[in-house]
Amino acid sequence: MLEAVSASLATLGNIGPGFGSVGPFGSYLQFSPVSKLVMIFLMWIGRLEIVPVLALFVGGLEDR
């Protein structure tokens, strides 16, 4: 649980290492390919900030 939460926070904040097995001397190899794709999406959101990403997905709804 600690590794999953710290990995998601580390990828969302783009800070690199987390706690436990994803710490500074660990790696993200133990995660499944699907969870790695989720972490890639979190890194993308973290880079662009959350508000513009939400505007990208929700922006077209007001025209309907």
N, C-alpha and C. Protein backbone atom coordinates (compact mmCIF):
# COMPACT_ATOMS: atom_id res chain seq x y z
N MET A 1 0.83 -1.19 0.00
CA MET A 1 0.00 0.00 0.00
C MET A 1 0.88 1.26 0.00
N LEU A 2 1.91 1.24 0.83
CA LEU A 2 2.81 2.40 0.90
C LEU A 2 3.50 2.65 -0.43
N GLU A 3 3.95 1.59 -1.08
CA GLU A 3 4.63 1.75 -2.36
C GLU A 3 3.69 2.29 -3.43
N ALA A 4 2.44 1.81 -3.44
CA ALA A 4 1.49 2.27 -4.46
C ALA A 4 1.13 3.74 -4.27
N VAL A 5 0.89 4.14 -3.04
CA VAL A 5 0.55 5.54 -2.77
C VAL A 5 1.74 6.45 -3.05
N SER A 6 2.93 6.05 -2.60
CA SER A 6 4.09 6.90 -2.82
C SER A 6 4.47 6.94 -4.29
N ALA A 7 4.26 5.85 -5.03
CA ALA A 7 4.54 5.87 -6.46
C ALA A 7 3.58 6.80 -7.20
N SER A 8 2.31 6.77 -6.82
CA SER A 8 1.36 7.65 -7.51
C SER A 8 1.62 9.11 -7.16
N LEU A 9 1.96 9.40 -5.92
CA LEU A 9 2.28 10.78 -5.55
C LEU A 9 3.59 11.25 -6.18
N ALA A 10 4.56 10.35 -6.28
CA ALA A 10 5.84 10.71 -6.89
C ALA A 10 5.67 10.99 -8.38
N THR A 11 4.82 10.22 -9.06
CA THR A 11 4.62 10.46 -10.48
C THR A 11 3.75 11.69 -10.73
N LEU A 12 2.76 11.91 -9.89
CA LEU A 12 1.91 13.10 -10.06
C LEU A 12 2.71 14.37 -9.80
N GLY A 13 3.58 14.33 -8.81
CA GLY A 13 4.39 15.51 -8.50
C GLY A 13 5.69 15.59 -9.27
N ASN A 14 5.99 14.56 -10.08
CA ASN A 14 7.23 14.50 -10.86
C ASN A 14 8.46 14.72 -9.99
N ILE A 15 8.47 14.03 -8.85
CA ILE A 15 9.60 14.20 -7.93
C ILE A 15 10.57 13.03 -7.97
N GLY A 16 10.26 11.97 -8.68
CA GLY A 16 11.18 10.85 -8.80
C GLY A 16 10.90 9.75 -7.80
N PRO A 17 11.77 9.60 -6.79
CA PRO A 17 11.61 8.46 -5.88
C PRO A 17 10.46 8.61 -4.90
N GLY A 18 9.96 7.47 -4.47
CA GLY A 18 8.91 7.45 -3.46
C GLY A 18 9.44 6.79 -2.20
N PHE A 19 8.62 6.00 -1.53
CA PHE A 19 9.01 5.29 -0.33
C PHE A 19 9.04 3.80 -0.60
N GLY A 20 9.72 3.07 0.24
CA GLY A 20 9.74 1.62 0.14
C GLY A 20 10.51 1.15 -1.07
N SER A 21 9.92 0.25 -1.83
CA SER A 21 10.63 -0.34 -2.97
C SER A 21 10.78 0.62 -4.14
N VAL A 22 10.06 1.73 -4.15
CA VAL A 22 10.23 2.74 -5.20
C VAL A 22 11.05 3.92 -4.69
N GLY A 23 11.79 3.68 -3.65
CA GLY A 23 12.65 4.71 -3.05
C GLY A 23 13.83 5.04 -3.93
N PRO A 24 14.78 5.80 -3.40
CA PRO A 24 15.93 6.24 -4.20
C PRO A 24 16.79 5.09 -4.74
N PHE A 25 16.81 3.96 -4.05
CA PHE A 25 17.61 2.82 -4.51
C PHE A 25 16.75 1.72 -5.11
N GLY A 26 15.48 1.97 -5.30
CA GLY A 26 14.56 0.99 -5.86
C GLY A 26 14.21 1.32 -7.29
N SER A 27 13.19 0.64 -7.81
CA SER A 27 12.75 0.90 -9.18
C SER A 27 11.25 0.63 -9.28
N TYR A 28 10.71 0.95 -10.42
CA TYR A 28 9.29 0.76 -10.70
C TYR A 28 9.03 -0.54 -11.47
N LEU A 29 10.00 -1.44 -11.50
CA LEU A 29 9.87 -2.67 -12.28
C LEU A 29 8.79 -3.60 -11.79
N GLN A 30 8.46 -3.59 -10.51
CA GLN A 30 7.50 -4.55 -9.97
C GLN A 30 6.06 -4.21 -10.33
N PHE A 31 5.81 -3.04 -10.87
CA PHE A 31 4.45 -2.65 -11.24
C PHE A 31 4.07 -3.27 -12.58
N SER A 32 2.79 -3.56 -12.74
CA SER A 32 2.30 -4.14 -14.00
C SER A 32 2.31 -3.09 -15.10
N PRO A 33 2.25 -3.51 -16.36
CA PRO A 33 2.21 -2.55 -17.46
C PRO A 33 1.01 -1.60 -17.39
N VAL A 34 -0.12 -2.07 -16.92
CA VAL A 34 -1.30 -1.20 -16.81
C VAL A 34 -1.06 -0.11 -15.76
N SER A 35 -0.49 -0.48 -14.63
CA SER A 35 -0.22 0.53 -13.60
C SER A 35 0.86 1.50 -14.06
N LYS A 36 1.78 1.04 -14.88
CA LYS A 36 2.78 1.95 -15.43
C LYS A 36 2.13 2.96 -16.38
N LEU A 37 1.14 2.51 -17.15
CA LEU A 37 0.41 3.44 -18.02
C LEU A 37 -0.36 4.47 -17.20
N VAL A 38 -0.94 4.05 -16.08
CA VAL A 38 -1.62 4.99 -15.20
C VAL A 38 -0.62 5.99 -14.64
N MET A 39 0.56 5.53 -14.28
CA MET A 39 1.58 6.45 -13.76
C MET A 39 2.08 7.40 -14.84
N ILE A 40 2.14 6.95 -16.09
CA ILE A 40 2.50 7.84 -17.19
C ILE A 40 1.45 8.93 -17.34
N PHE A 41 0.17 8.55 -17.23
CA PHE A 41 -0.91 9.54 -17.30
C PHE A 41 -0.80 10.53 -16.13
N LEU A 42 -0.48 10.03 -14.93
CA LEU A 42 -0.31 10.91 -13.78
C LEU A 42 0.86 11.87 -13.98
N MET A 43 1.94 11.38 -14.58
CA MET A 43 3.08 12.26 -14.85
C MET A 43 2.69 13.34 -15.86
N TRP A 44 1.88 12.96 -16.84
CA TRP A 44 1.42 13.93 -17.84
C TRP A 44 0.56 15.01 -17.18
N ILE A 45 -0.35 14.58 -16.30
CA ILE A 45 -1.18 15.54 -15.58
C ILE A 45 -0.32 16.43 -14.69
N GLY A 46 0.67 15.84 -14.03
CA GLY A 46 1.54 16.62 -13.16
C GLY A 46 2.35 17.65 -13.90
N ARG A 47 2.76 17.34 -15.11
CA ARG A 47 3.52 18.31 -15.91
C ARG A 47 2.65 19.46 -16.39
N LEU A 48 1.45 19.14 -16.83
CA LEU A 48 0.58 20.16 -17.40
C LEU A 48 -0.26 20.90 -16.37
N GLU A 49 -0.22 20.45 -15.14
CA GLU A 49 -1.08 20.91 -14.05
C GLU A 49 -2.46 20.30 -14.24
N ILE A 50 -3.17 20.18 -13.18
CA ILE A 50 -4.45 19.47 -13.19
C ILE A 50 -5.56 20.29 -13.85
N VAL A 51 -5.59 21.60 -13.62
CA VAL A 51 -6.69 22.43 -14.13
C VAL A 51 -6.71 22.45 -15.67
N PRO A 52 -5.60 22.68 -16.38
CA PRO A 52 -5.68 22.64 -17.85
C PRO A 52 -6.08 21.27 -18.40
N VAL A 53 -5.66 20.20 -17.74
CA VAL A 53 -6.05 18.87 -18.21
C VAL A 53 -7.55 18.67 -18.03
N LEU A 54 -8.08 19.10 -16.90
CA LEU A 54 -9.53 19.01 -16.70
C LEU A 54 -10.26 19.88 -17.71
N ALA A 55 -9.73 21.05 -18.02
CA ALA A 55 -10.37 21.91 -19.02
C ALA A 55 -10.33 21.27 -20.40
N LEU A 56 -9.28 20.52 -20.67
CA LEU A 56 -9.18 19.83 -21.95
C LEU A 56 -10.26 18.79 -22.10
N PHE A 57 -10.53 18.04 -21.04
CA PHE A 57 -11.53 16.99 -21.11
C PHE A 57 -12.95 17.49 -20.89
N VAL A 58 -13.14 18.56 -20.13
CA VAL A 58 -14.47 19.04 -19.80
C VAL A 58 -14.86 20.24 -20.66
N GLY A 59 -13.90 20.86 -21.33
CA GLY A 59 -14.14 22.08 -22.10
C GLY A 59 -15.20 21.93 -23.18
N GLY A 60 -15.29 20.79 -23.83
CA GLY A 60 -16.26 20.62 -24.90
C GLY A 60 -17.67 20.33 -24.43
N LEU A 61 -17.86 20.11 -23.16
CA LEU A 61 -19.20 19.76 -22.65
C LEU A 61 -20.13 20.97 -22.58
N GLU A 62 -19.61 22.16 -22.45
CA GLU A 62 -20.47 23.32 -22.30
C GLU A 62 -21.13 23.73 -23.62
N ASP A 63 -20.62 23.24 -24.76
CA ASP A 63 -21.21 23.58 -26.05
C ASP A 63 -22.45 22.74 -26.36
N ARG A 64 -22.68 21.69 -25.60
CA ARG A 64 -23.79 20.79 -25.89
C ARG A 64 -25.07 21.25 -25.31
